Amino acid sequence: MLHAALRHGDRRGGRDPFLFNVACDYVVNGWPREMRVGTMPEGLLYDKELDGLSAEEVHDRIAVDLRRMRRQATLRGKGLGDILGGPLGPPRDHVDLDGFYRRGLAQGLDLHDRQERGFLPAGLVQEIRALSHPPVPWDARLARWFDEFVPRPEPLRSYARPSRRQASTPGIPRAGRYFPPEEIARCTFGVVLDTSGSMDRVLLGKALGAIASYAEARDVPAARVVFCDAAPHDAGYVPVTEIAGRVRVHGRGGTVLRPGIDFLQRADGFPPAAPVLVITDGWCDVLRVRREHAYLIPRGARLPFTPRGPVFRVS
């Protein structure tokens, strides 16, 4: 019954069925012993050193001695498993330990509010409510940043450019839509890309792929890309469809990004209000950007200065 209640059939994943059954037996058999329910018969799988561990943790421990563990016996018999083979319900997303704690805190607060059991510290209530709303993923935050600071070209109506629908009804003049050249030129942003030797290629791929997809969704024709290791390498205006796939990375030397920032801020034809996106692994010099900007760094990395713009941590 405990196998079914703890959903051991769903939690097995890609593990060996029998070894995971043995690990679950070590956990399940410890429960009645801890609660002092009945007397444990001889031959059952139990080890006091495994008390308090989850079935997954016990499996990782016993998996190092496969030959001995395969000779163990469950309640069904030697070498036979007693966990139901298929899942008991529809597949669900797994819940890690932190998610289980967050869910328990939120449910406890809801129960407390419904039953009006008294008062809780205001700080505790705020912390629980903050934990109930997980942080927004980095790519969604990056999309919001694009929506706020990268303008989308707005089409204008003009009778000098007839609408395509006018061909079906020539007697009714209709204005067509077009994008003014100045609007298209204003819709751009700059990318300063750290191409030092310490830069991870996986981070480069994720960051450039996200930038290309969001820029293309906002009808950005091209972005000004500057590669920088110890000196800036200007790639010019690169179409957003080519940023993720066909950009040739220059550099792979040391890490000094300040020349790349200065070059981009003084570049001819780069709009003064266009934002700058800095992609680095955190091993860089101190940067001061005099316009709207943001940073893309790996999760767990830290910048050697206090950033003034938002920091997106790529997972």
C-alpha atoms as a PDB file:
ATOM      1  CA  MET A   1       0.000   0.000   0.000  1.00  0.00           C
ATOM      2  CA  LEU A   2       2.858   2.411   0.752  1.00  0.00           C
ATOM      3  CA  HIS A   3       4.345   1.729  -2.690  1.00  0.00           C
ATOM      4  CA  ALA A   4       1.100   2.933  -4.236  1.00  0.00           C
ATOM      5  CA  ALA A   5       0.632   5.839  -1.827  1.00  0.00           C
ATOM      6  CA  LEU A   6       4.174   7.126  -2.449  1.00  0.00           C
ATOM      7  CA  ARG A   7       3.751   6.623  -6.238  1.00  0.00           C
ATOM      8  CA  HIS A   8       6.930   4.601  -6.557  1.00  0.00           C
ATOM      9  CA  GLY A   9       5.833   3.384  -9.988  1.00  0.00           C
ATOM     10  CA  ASP A  10       5.772   6.961 -11.293  1.00  0.00           C
ATOM     11  CA  ARG A  11       9.021   7.969  -9.606  1.00  0.00           C
ATOM     12  CA  ARG A  12      11.152   5.151 -11.055  1.00  0.00           C
ATOM     13  CA  GLY A  13      11.949   7.044 -14.269  1.00  0.00           C
ATOM     14  CA  GLY A  14      14.820   5.437 -16.157  1.00  0.00           C
ATOM     15  CA  ARG A  15      16.221   3.528 -13.161  1.00  0.00           C
ATOM     16  CA  ASP A  16      16.540  -0.234 -13.009  1.00  0.00           C
ATOM     17  CA  PRO A  17      13.068  -1.548 -11.963  1.00  0.00           C
ATOM     18  CA  PHE A  18      14.262  -4.190  -9.494  1.00  0.00           C
ATOM     19  CA  LEU A  19      16.999  -2.076  -7.876  1.00  0.00           C
ATOM     20  CA  PHE A  20      14.562   0.796  -7.447  1.00  0.00           C
ATOM     21  CA  ASN A  21      12.077  -1.673  -5.936  1.00  0.00           C
ATOM     22  CA  VAL A  22      14.735  -2.727  -3.437  1.00  0.00           C
ATOM     23  CA  ALA A  23      15.483   0.905  -2.583  1.00  0.00           C
ATOM     24  CA  CYS A  24      11.775   1.604  -2.047  1.00  0.00           C
ATOM     25  CA  ASP A  25      11.533  -1.452   0.227  1.00  0.00           C
ATOM     26  CA  TYR A  26      14.317  -0.093   2.416  1.00  0.00           C
ATOM     27  CA  VAL A  27      12.320   3.126   2.786  1.00  0.00           C
ATOM     28  CA  VAL A  28       8.887   1.522   3.195  1.00  0.00           C
ATOM     29  CA  ASN A  29      10.030  -1.046   5.752  1.00  0.00           C
ATOM     30  CA  GLY A  30      11.517   1.681   7.906  1.00  0.00           C
ATOM     31  CA  TRP A  31       8.183   3.450   8.273  1.00  0.00           C
ATOM     32  CA  PRO A  32       6.346   0.822  10.431  1.00  0.00           C
ATOM     33  CA  ARG A  33       9.507   0.316  12.492  1.00  0.00           C
ATOM     34  CA  GLU A  34       9.759   4.037  13.180  1.00  0.00           C
ATOM     35  CA  MET A  35       6.045   4.227  14.078  1.00  0.00           C
ATOM     36  CA  ARG A  36       6.334   1.017  16.173  1.00  0.00           C
ATOM     37  CA  VAL A  37       3.606  -0.753  14.230  1.00  0.00           C
ATOM     38  CA  GLY A  38       3.811  -4.501  14.675  1.00  0.00           C
ATOM     39  CA  THR A  39       6.974  -6.631  14.611  1.00  0.00           C
ATOM     40  CA  MET A  40       9.174  -6.801  11.519  1.00  0.00           C
ATOM     41  CA  PRO A  41       9.539 -10.356  10.174  1.00  0.00           C
ATOM     42  CA  GLU A  42      12.987 -11.709   9.476  1.00  0.00           C
ATOM     43  CA  GLY A  43      14.393 -11.303   5.996  1.00  0.00           C
ATOM     44  CA  LEU A  44      12.851  -7.942   5.165  1.00  0.00           C
ATOM     45  CA  LEU A  45      15.060  -5.264   3.652  1.00  0.00           C
ATOM     46  CA  TYR A  46      15.994  -2.786   6.366  1.00  0.00           C
ATOM     47  CA  ASP A  47      19.145  -0.812   7.178  1.00  0.00           C
ATOM     48  CA  LYS A  48      19.310   1.723   9.997  1.00  0.00           C
ATOM     49  CA  GLU A  49      21.932   3.757   8.090  1.00  0.00           C
ATOM     50  CA  LEU A  50      19.357   4.477   5.377  1.00  0.00           C
ATOM     51  CA  ASP A  51      16.791   6.029   7.738  1.00  0.00           C
ATOM     52  CA  GLY A  52      15.576   9.437   6.594  1.00  0.00           C
ATOM     53  CA  LEU A  53      16.700   9.026   2.977  1.00  0.00           C
ATOM     54  CA  SER A  54      14.386   9.129  -0.032  1.00  0.00           C
ATOM     55  CA  ALA A  55      13.989   6.182  -2.374  1.00  0.00           C
ATOM     56  CA  GLU A  56      16.068   7.966  -5.018  1.00  0.00           C
ATOM     57  CA  GLU A  57      18.923   8.558  -2.578  1.00  0.00           C
ATOM     58  CA  VAL A  58      18.844   4.950  -1.402  1.00  0.00           C
ATOM     59  CA  HIS A  59      18.925   3.762  -5.023  1.00  0.00           C
ATOM     60  CA  ASP A  60      22.046   5.815  -5.701  1.00  0.00           C
ATOM     61  CA  ARG A  61      23.742   4.225  -2.684  1.00  0.00           C
ATOM     62  CA  ILE A  62      22.892   0.582  -3.400  1.00  0.00           C
ATOM     63  CA  ALA A  63      23.575   0.868  -7.138  1.00  0.00           C
ATOM     64  CA  VAL A  64      27.321   0.584  -6.459  1.00  0.00           C
ATOM     65  CA  ASP A  65      26.933  -3.066  -5.417  1.00  0.00           C
ATOM     66  CA  LEU A  66      24.728  -4.520  -8.145  1.00  0.00           C
ATOM     67  CA  ARG A  67      25.700  -8.185  -7.784  1.00  0.00           C
ATOM     68  CA  ARG A  68      24.808  -8.361  -4.071  1.00  0.00           C
ATOM     69  CA  MET A  69      21.628  -6.314  -4.369  1.00  0.00           C
ATOM     70  CA  ARG A  70      20.195  -8.425  -7.193  1.00  0.00           C
ATOM     71  CA  ARG A  71      20.104 -11.395  -4.793  1.00  0.00           C
ATOM     72  CA  GLN A  72      17.778  -9.546  -2.373  1.00  0.00           C
ATOM     73  CA  ALA A  73      14.133 -10.570  -2.007  1.00  0.00           C
ATOM     74  CA  THR A  74      11.031  -8.403  -1.884  1.00  0.00           C
ATOM     75  CA  LEU A  75       7.662  -9.463  -0.462  1.00  0.00           C
ATOM     76  CA  ARG A  76       6.926 -11.052  -3.830  1.00  0.00           C
ATOM     77  CA  GLY A  77      10.042 -13.214  -3.862  1.00  0.00           C
ATOM     78  CA  LYS A  78      13.726 -13.312  -4.680  1.00  0.00           C
ATOM     79  CA  GLY A  79      14.593 -11.231  -7.729  1.00  0.00           C
ATOM     80  CA  LEU A  80      10.936 -10.222  -8.228  1.00  0.00           C
ATOM     81  CA  GLY A  81       9.470  -6.763  -7.799  1.00  0.00           C
ATOM     82  CA  ASP A  82       6.233  -5.944  -6.011  1.00  0.00           C
ATOM     83  CA  ILE A  83       5.693  -2.396  -7.342  1.00  0.00           C
ATOM     84  CA  LEU A  84       2.910  -2.006  -9.893  1.00  0.00           C
ATOM     85  CA  GLY A  85       4.451  -1.815 -13.328  1.00  0.00           C
ATOM     86  CA  GLY A  86       2.533   1.092 -14.855  1.00  0.00           C
ATOM     87  CA  PRO A  87       1.808   4.522 -13.428  1.00  0.00           C
ATOM     88  CA  LEU A  88      -1.342   4.844 -11.342  1.00  0.00           C
ATOM     89  CA  GLY A  89      -2.513   7.987 -13.104  1.00  0.00           C
ATOM     90  CA  PRO A  90      -1.693  10.390 -15.897  1.00  0.00           C
ATOM     91  CA  PRO A  91       1.955  11.483 -16.101  1.00  0.00           C
ATOM     92  CA  ARG A  92       2.756  14.516 -13.985  1.00  0.00           C
ATOM     93  CA  ASP A  93       5.662  16.883 -13.684  1.00  0.00           C
ATOM     94  CA  HIS A  94       8.096  15.903 -10.972  1.00  0.00           C
ATOM     95  CA  VAL A  95       8.337  18.067  -7.865  1.00  0.00           C
ATOM     96  CA  ASP A  96      11.733  18.669  -6.314  1.00  0.00           C
ATOM     97  CA  LEU A  97      12.261  19.150  -2.581  1.00  0.00           C
ATOM     98  CA  ASP A  98      12.176  22.958  -2.784  1.00  0.00           C
ATOM     99  CA  GLY A  99       8.921  22.855  -4.732  1.00  0.00           C
ATOM    100  CA  PHE A 100       7.418  20.475  -2.150  1.00  0.00           C
ATOM    101  CA  TYR A 101       8.348  22.886   0.661  1.00  0.00           C
ATOM    102  CA  ARG A 102       6.946  25.887  -1.218  1.00  0.00           C
ATOM    103  CA  ARG A 103       3.687  24.074  -1.867  1.00  0.00           C
ATOM    104  CA  GLY A 104       3.420  23.067   1.800  1.00  0.00           C
ATOM    105  CA  LEU A 105       3.966  26.642   2.995  1.00  0.00           C
ATOM    106  CA  ALA A 106       1.366  28.010   0.564  1.00  0.00           C
ATOM    107  CA  GLN A 107      -1.195  25.362   1.571  1.00  0.00           C
ATOM    108  CA  GLY A 108      -0.556  26.016   5.250  1.00  0.00           C
ATOM    109  CA  LEU A 109      -1.091  29.751   4.786  1.00  0.00           C
ATOM    110  CA  ASP A 110      -4.347  29.148   2.903  1.00  0.00           C
ATOM    111  CA  LEU A 111      -5.582  26.825   5.651  1.00  0.00           C
ATOM    112  CA  HIS A 112      -4.631  29.378   8.300  1.00  0.00           C
ATOM    113  CA  ASP A 113      -6.516  32.155   6.496  1.00  0.00           C
ATOM    114  CA  ARG A 114      -9.655  30.050   5.978  1.00  0.00           C
ATOM    115  CA  GLN A 115      -9.859  28.900   9.588  1.00  0.00           C
ATOM    116  CA  GLU A 116      -8.887  32.314  11.035  1.00  0.00           C
ATOM    117  CA  ARG A 117      -6.607  30.793  13.628  1.00  0.00           C
ATOM    118  CA  GLY A 118      -5.042  34.082  14.679  1.00  0.00           C
ATOM    119  CA  PHE A 119      -2.262  36.287  13.400  1.00  0.00           C
ATOM    120  CA  LEU A 120       1.037  35.533  11.693  1.00  0.00           C
ATOM    121  CA  PRO A 121       4.074  37.833  11.429  1.00  0.00           C
ATOM    122  CA  ALA A 122       3.718  40.130   8.434  1.00  0.00           C
ATOM    123  CA  GLY A 123       7.215  39.264   7.252  1.00  0.00           C
ATOM    124  CA  LEU A 124       6.422  35.544   7.235  1.00  0.00           C
ATOM    125  CA  VAL A 125       3.235  36.095   5.209  1.00  0.00           C
ATOM    126  CA  GLN A 126       5.121  38.220   2.662  1.00  0.00           C
ATOM    127  CA  GLU A 127       7.852  35.594   2.324  1.00  0.00           C
ATOM    128  CA  ILE A 128       5.339  32.778   1.769  1.00  0.00           C
ATOM    129  CA  ARG A 129       3.433  34.783  -0.835  1.00  0.00           C
ATOM    130  CA  ALA A 130       6.673  35.667  -2.586  1.00  0.00           C
ATOM    131  CA  LEU A 131       7.650  31.968  -2.698  1.00  0.00           C
ATOM    132  CA  SER A 132       4.261  31.128  -4.223  1.00  0.00           C
ATOM    133  CA  HIS A 133       5.238  33.089  -7.349  1.00  0.00           C
ATOM    134  CA  PRO A 134       8.416  31.562  -8.827  1.00  0.00           C
ATOM    135  CA  PRO A 135      10.849  33.899 -10.587  1.00  0.00           C
ATOM    136  CA  VAL A 136      10.244  34.666 -14.245  1.00  0.00           C
ATOM    137  CA  PRO A 137      12.601  32.730 -16.569  1.00  0.00           C
ATOM    138  CA  TRP A 138      15.476  34.697 -18.025  1.00  0.00           C
ATOM    139  CA  ASP A 139      14.208  34.472 -21.595  1.00  0.00           C
ATOM    140  CA  ALA A 140      10.792  35.882 -20.613  1.00  0.00           C
ATOM    141  CA  ARG A 141      12.480  38.768 -18.765  1.00  0.00           C
ATOM    142  CA  LEU A 142      14.635  39.379 -21.829  1.00  0.00           C
ATOM    143  CA  ALA A 143      11.509  39.533 -23.992  1.00  0.00           C
ATOM    144  CA  ARG A 144       9.995  42.139 -21.657  1.00  0.00           C
ATOM    145  CA  TRP A 145      13.206  44.159 -21.892  1.00  0.00           C
ATOM    146  CA  PHE A 146      12.937  44.112 -25.682  1.00  0.00           C
ATOM    147  CA  ASP A 147       9.301  45.202 -25.504  1.00  0.00           C
ATOM    148  CA  GLU A 148      10.209  48.150 -23.283  1.00  0.00           C
ATOM    149  CA  PHE A 149      13.391  49.505 -24.860  1.00  0.00           C
ATOM    150  CA  VAL A 150      13.543  48.265 -28.461  1.00  0.00           C
ATOM    151  CA  PRO A 151      10.918  50.183 -30.488  1.00  0.00           C
ATOM    152  CA  ARG A 152       8.854  48.372 -33.056  1.00  0.00           C
ATOM    153  CA  PRO A 153       8.540  50.122 -36.464  1.00  0.00           C
ATOM    154  CA  GLU A 154       5.011  51.438 -36.844  1.00  0.00           C
ATOM    155  CA  PRO A 155       3.523  51.418 -40.357  1.00  0.00           C
ATOM    156  CA  LEU A 156       1.857  54.552 -41.759  1.00  0.00           C
ATOM    157  CA  ARG A 157      -1.106  54.882 -44.109  1.00  0.00           C
ATOM    158  CA  SER A 158      -0.571  56.726 -47.403  1.00  0.00           C
ATOM    159  CA  TYR A 159      -2.736  57.143 -50.497  1.00  0.00           C
ATOM    160  CA  ALA A 160       0.491  57.470 -52.508  1.00  0.00           C
ATOM    161  CA  ARG A 161       0.848  53.713 -52.021  1.00  0.00           C
ATOM    162  CA  PRO A 162      -2.484  52.046 -52.930  1.00  0.00           C
ATOM    163  CA  SER A 163      -3.702  49.148 -50.873  1.00  0.00           C
ATOM    164  CA  ARG A 164      -3.674  45.713 -52.448  1.00  0.00           C
ATOM    165  CA  ARG A 165      -7.397  45.418 -51.714  1.00  0.00           C
ATOM    166  CA  GLN A 166      -8.025  48.320 -54.127  1.00  0.00           C
ATOM    167  CA  ALA A 167      -7.468  46.007 -57.096  1.00  0.00           C
ATOM    168  CA  SER A 168     -10.708  44.168 -56.351  1.00  0.00           C
ATOM    169  CA  THR A 169     -12.714  47.429 -56.073  1.00  0.00           C
ATOM    170  CA  PRO A 170     -10.969  50.045 -58.270  1.00  0.00           C
ATOM    171  CA  GLY A 171     -13.699  52.620 -57.637  1.00  0.00           C
ATOM    172  CA  ILE A 172     -12.935  52.786 -53.875  1.00  0.00           C
ATOM    173  CA  PRO A 173      -9.531  54.338 -53.095  1.00  0.00           C
ATOM    174  CA  ARG A 174      -7.777  52.755 -50.127  1.00  0.00           C
ATOM    175  CA  ALA A 175      -4.549  53.820 -48.462  1.00  0.00           C
ATOM    176  CA  GLY A 176      -1.705  51.374 -48.301  1.00  0.00           C
ATOM    177  CA  ARG A 177       0.675  50.775 -45.416  1.00  0.00           C
ATOM    178  CA  TYR A 178       4.397  51.426 -45.535  1.00  0.00           C
ATOM    179  CA  PHE A 179       7.301  51.781 -43.113  1.00  0.00           C
ATOM    180  CA  PRO A 180       9.162  55.131 -43.232  1.00  0.00           C
ATOM    181  CA  PRO A 181      12.937  54.712 -43.598  1.00  0.00           C
ATOM    182  CA  GLU A 182      13.593  56.716 -40.436  1.00  0.00           C
ATOM    183  CA  GLU A 183      11.360  54.361 -38.434  1.00  0.00           C
ATOM    184  CA  ILE A 184      13.249  51.305 -39.678  1.00  0.00           C
ATOM    185  CA  ALA A 185      16.623  52.904 -38.928  1.00  0.00           C
ATOM    186  CA  ARG A 186      15.512  53.735 -35.390  1.00  0.00           C
ATOM    187  CA  CYS A 187      14.459  50.144 -34.628  1.00  0.00           C
ATOM    188  CA  THR A 188      17.761  48.539 -33.665  1.00  0.00           C
ATOM    189  CA  PHE A 189      19.968  47.720 -30.698  1.00  0.00           C
ATOM    190  CA  GLY A 190      23.621  46.986 -30.000  1.00  0.00           C
ATOM    191  CA  VAL A 191      25.256  43.749 -28.857  1.00  0.00           C
ATOM    192  CA  VAL A 192      28.678  43.687 -27.207  1.00  0.00           C
ATOM    193  CA  LEU A 193      29.747  40.041 -27.202  1.00  0.00           C
ATOM    194  CA  ASP A 194      32.516  38.781 -24.936  1.00  0.00           C
ATOM    195  CA  THR A 195      34.612  36.469 -27.131  1.00  0.00           C
ATOM    196  CA  SER A 196      37.402  35.788 -24.643  1.00  0.00           C
ATOM    197  CA  GLY A 197      38.825  32.316 -24.196  1.00  0.00           C
ATOM    198  CA  SER A 198      36.816  31.727 -21.011  1.00  0.00           C
ATOM    199  CA  MET A 199      33.474  32.294 -22.755  1.00  0.00           C
ATOM    200  CA  ASP A 200      31.335  29.153 -22.944  1.00  0.00           C
ATOM    201  CA  ARG A 201      30.039  28.221 -26.404  1.00  0.00           C
ATOM    202  CA  VAL A 202      26.766  26.930 -24.907  1.00  0.00           C
ATOM    203  CA  LEU A 203      26.139  30.355 -23.367  1.00  0.00           C
ATOM    204  CA  LEU A 204      26.921  32.000 -26.701  1.00  0.00           C
ATOM    205  CA  GLY A 205      24.440  29.764 -28.504  1.00  0.00           C
ATOM    206  CA  LYS A 206      21.602  30.259 -26.002  1.00  0.00           C
ATOM    207  CA  ALA A 207      22.080  34.021 -25.770  1.00  0.00           C
ATOM    208  CA  LEU A 208      22.372  34.644 -29.510  1.00  0.00           C
ATOM    209  CA  GLY A 209      19.429  32.343 -30.239  1.00  0.00           C
ATOM    210  CA  ALA A 210      17.183  34.178 -27.786  1.00  0.00           C
ATOM    211  CA  ILE A 211      18.261  37.574 -29.110  1.00  0.00           C
ATOM    212  CA  ALA A 212      17.620  36.556 -32.702  1.00  0.00           C
ATOM    213  CA  SER A 213      14.147  35.144 -31.975  1.00  0.00           C
ATOM    214  CA  TYR A 214      12.933  38.156 -29.995  1.00  0.00           C
ATOM    215  CA  ALA A 215      14.407  40.672 -32.425  1.00  0.00           C
ATOM    216  CA  GLU A 216      12.774  38.916 -35.357  1.00  0.00           C
ATOM    217  CA  ALA A 217       9.436  38.849 -33.513  1.00  0.00           C
ATOM    218  CA  ARG A 218       9.651  42.631 -33.063  1.00  0.00           C
ATOM    219  CA  ASP A 219      10.456  43.250 -36.752  1.00  0.00           C
ATOM    220  CA  VAL A 220      13.980  44.476 -36.013  1.00  0.00           C
ATOM    221  CA  PRO A 221      15.804  44.438 -39.364  1.00  0.00           C
ATOM    222  CA  ALA A 222      19.391  44.339 -38.031  1.00  0.00           C
ATOM    223  CA  ALA A 223      21.475  44.753 -34.871  1.00  0.00           C
ATOM    224  CA  ARG A 224      24.903  46.324 -34.437  1.00  0.00           C
ATOM    225  CA  VAL A 225      27.239  43.577 -33.225  1.00  0.00           C
ATOM    226  CA  VAL A 226      30.668  44.220 -31.705  1.00  0.00           C
ATOM    227  CA  PHE A 227      32.914  41.304 -30.703  1.00  0.00           C
ATOM    228  CA  CYS A 228      35.371  42.146 -27.955  1.00  0.00           C
ATOM    229  CA  ASP A 229      38.172  40.298 -26.224  1.00  0.00           C
ATOM    230  CA  ALA A 230      41.196  42.571 -25.742  1.00  0.00           C
ATOM    231  CA  ALA A 231      40.171  44.847 -28.645  1.00  0.00           C
ATOM    232  CA  PRO A 232      36.841  45.519 -30.384  1.00  0.00           C
ATOM    233  CA  HIS A 233      35.977  43.803 -33.668  1.00  0.00           C
ATOM    234  CA  ASP A 234      33.082  45.518 -35.412  1.00  0.00           C
ATOM    235  CA  ALA A 235      30.757  43.180 -37.340  1.00  0.00           C
ATOM    236  CA  GLY A 236      28.541  46.069 -38.451  1.00  0.00           C
ATOM    237  CA  TYR A 237      24.788  45.733 -38.771  1.00  0.00           C
ATOM    238  CA  VAL A 238      23.943  42.035 -38.859  1.00  0.00           C
ATOM    239  CA  PRO A 239      20.456  40.844 -39.950  1.00  0.00           C
ATOM    240  CA  VAL A 240      18.712  39.243 -36.993  1.00  0.00           C
ATOM    241  CA  THR A 241      18.132  36.052 -38.988  1.00  0.00           C
ATOM    242  CA  GLU A 242      21.911  35.604 -39.205  1.00  0.00           C
ATOM    243  CA  ILE A 243      22.865  36.463 -35.615  1.00  0.00           C
ATOM    244  CA  ALA A 244      22.354  32.974 -34.203  1.00  0.00           C
ATOM    245  CA  GLY A 245      23.553  30.885 -37.116  1.00  0.00           C
ATOM    246  CA  ARG A 246      26.089  32.546 -39.383  1.00  0.00           C
ATOM    247  CA  VAL A 247      27.977  35.087 -37.271  1.00  0.00           C
ATOM    248  CA  ARG A 248      31.715  34.526 -37.393  1.00  0.00           C
ATOM    249  CA  VAL A 249      33.105  35.119 -33.910  1.00  0.00           C
ATOM    250  CA  HIS A 250      36.355  37.075 -33.728  1.00  0.00           C
ATOM    251  CA  GLY A 251      38.797  37.183 -30.863  1.00  0.00           C
ATOM    252  CA  ARG A 252      39.015  34.390 -28.236  1.00  0.00           C
ATOM    253  CA  GLY A 253      41.777  36.255 -26.375  1.00  0.00           C
ATOM    254  CA  GLY A 254      41.675  38.183 -23.086  1.00  0.00           C
ATOM    255  CA  THR A 255      38.678  39.979 -21.601  1.00  0.00           C
ATOM    256  CA  VAL A 256      38.508  43.781 -21.815  1.00  0.00           C
ATOM    257  CA  LEU A 257      35.025  44.938 -22.791  1.00  0.00           C
ATOM    258  CA  ARG A 258      35.388  48.653 -22.168  1.00  0.00           C
ATOM    259  CA  PRO A 259      36.824  49.400 -25.681  1.00  0.00           C
ATOM    260  CA  GLY A 260      33.828  47.627 -27.242  1.00  0.00           C
ATOM    261  CA  ILE A 261      31.362  49.693 -25.221  1.00  0.00           C
ATOM    262  CA  ASP A 262      33.137  52.953 -26.130  1.00  0.00           C
ATOM    263  CA  PHE A 263      33.318  51.977 -29.805  1.00  0.00           C
ATOM    264  CA  LEU A 264      29.604  51.221 -29.959  1.00  0.00           C
ATOM    265  CA  GLN A 265      28.601  54.432 -28.161  1.00  0.00           C
ATOM    266  CA  ARG A 266      30.675  56.521 -30.624  1.00  0.00           C
ATOM    267  CA  ALA A 267      29.758  54.525 -33.738  1.00  0.00           C
ATOM    268  CA  ASP A 268      28.459  56.562 -36.672  1.00  0.00           C
ATOM    269  CA  GLY A 269      24.853  55.843 -37.567  1.00  0.00           C
ATOM    270  CA  PHE A 270      24.058  54.103 -34.278  1.00  0.00           C
ATOM    271  CA  PRO A 271      20.957  55.811 -32.781  1.00  0.00           C
ATOM    272  CA  PRO A 272      21.632  57.630 -29.498  1.00  0.00           C
ATOM    273  CA  ALA A 273      18.572  56.057 -27.865  1.00  0.00           C
ATOM    274  CA  ALA A 274      19.279  52.474 -28.969  1.00  0.00           C
ATOM    275  CA  PRO A 275      19.897  50.092 -26.037  1.00  0.00           C
ATOM    276  CA  VAL A 276      22.969  47.901 -25.611  1.00  0.00           C
ATOM    277  CA  LEU A 277      23.021  44.241 -24.596  1.00  0.00           C
ATOM    278  CA  VAL A 278      26.293  42.938 -23.091  1.00  0.00           C
ATOM    279  CA  ILE A 279      26.877  39.164 -23.180  1.00  0.00           C
ATOM    280  CA  THR A 280      29.698  38.007 -20.930  1.00  0.00           C
ATOM    281  CA  ASP A 281      30.660  35.254 -18.497  1.00  0.00           C
ATOM    282  CA  GLY A 282      31.407  37.755 -15.717  1.00  0.00           C
ATOM    283  CA  TRP A 283      35.204  37.615 -16.035  1.00  0.00           C
ATOM    284  CA  CYS A 284      35.540  41.124 -17.396  1.00  0.00           C
ATOM    285  CA  ASP A 285      36.615  44.642 -16.459  1.00  0.00           C
ATOM    286  CA  VAL A 286      34.457  47.299 -14.779  1.00  0.00           C
ATOM    287  CA  LEU A 287      31.904  48.727 -17.236  1.00  0.00           C
ATOM    288  CA  ARG A 288      30.000  51.996 -17.224  1.00  0.00           C
ATOM    289  CA  VAL A 289      27.432  52.318 -20.020  1.00  0.00           C
ATOM    290  CA  ARG A 290      25.899  55.772 -20.577  1.00  0.00           C
ATOM    291  CA  ARG A 291      22.665  54.545 -22.153  1.00  0.00           C
ATOM    292  CA  GLU A 292      19.987  51.939 -21.535  1.00  0.00           C
ATOM    293  CA  HIS A 293      21.662  48.540 -21.290  1.00  0.00           C
ATOM    294  CA  ALA A 294      21.379  45.013 -19.874  1.00  0.00           C
ATOM    295  CA  TYR A 295      23.680  42.057 -19.192  1.00  0.00           C
ATOM    296  CA  LEU A 296      23.419  38.357 -20.071  1.00  0.00           C
ATOM    297  CA  ILE A 297      25.588  36.161 -17.833  1.00  0.00           C
ATOM    298  CA  PRO A 298      25.535  32.450 -16.876  1.00  0.00           C
ATOM    299  CA  ARG A 299      23.599  31.337 -13.828  1.00  0.00           C
ATOM    300  CA  GLY A 300      25.893  31.397 -10.801  1.00  0.00           C
ATOM    301  CA  ALA A 301      28.276  33.963 -12.296  1.00  0.00           C
ATOM    302  CA  ARG A 302      28.803  37.429 -10.824  1.00  0.00           C
ATOM    303  CA  LEU A 303      29.877  40.708 -12.349  1.00  0.00           C
ATOM    304  CA  PRO A 304      32.931  42.412 -10.789  1.00  0.00           C
ATOM    305  CA  PHE A 305      30.937  45.629 -10.319  1.00  0.00           C
ATOM    306  CA  THR A 306      27.469  46.796  -9.345  1.00  0.00           C
ATOM    307  CA  PRO A 307      25.424  46.868 -12.582  1.00  0.00           C
ATOM    308  CA  ARG A 308      23.021  49.699 -13.228  1.00  0.00           C
ATOM    309  CA  GLY A 309      21.025  47.836 -15.866  1.00  0.00           C
ATOM    310  CA  PRO A 310      19.082  44.569 -15.480  1.00  0.00           C
ATOM    311  CA  VAL A 311      21.008  41.301 -15.339  1.00  0.00           C
ATOM    312  CA  PHE A 312      19.575  38.207 -17.083  1.00  0.00           C
ATOM    313  CA  ARG A 313      21.074  34.941 -15.832  1.00  0.00           C
ATOM    314  CA  VAL A 314      21.027  32.280 -18.529  1.00  0.00           C
ATOM    315  CA  SER A 315      20.088  28.862 -17.137  1.00  0.00           C
END
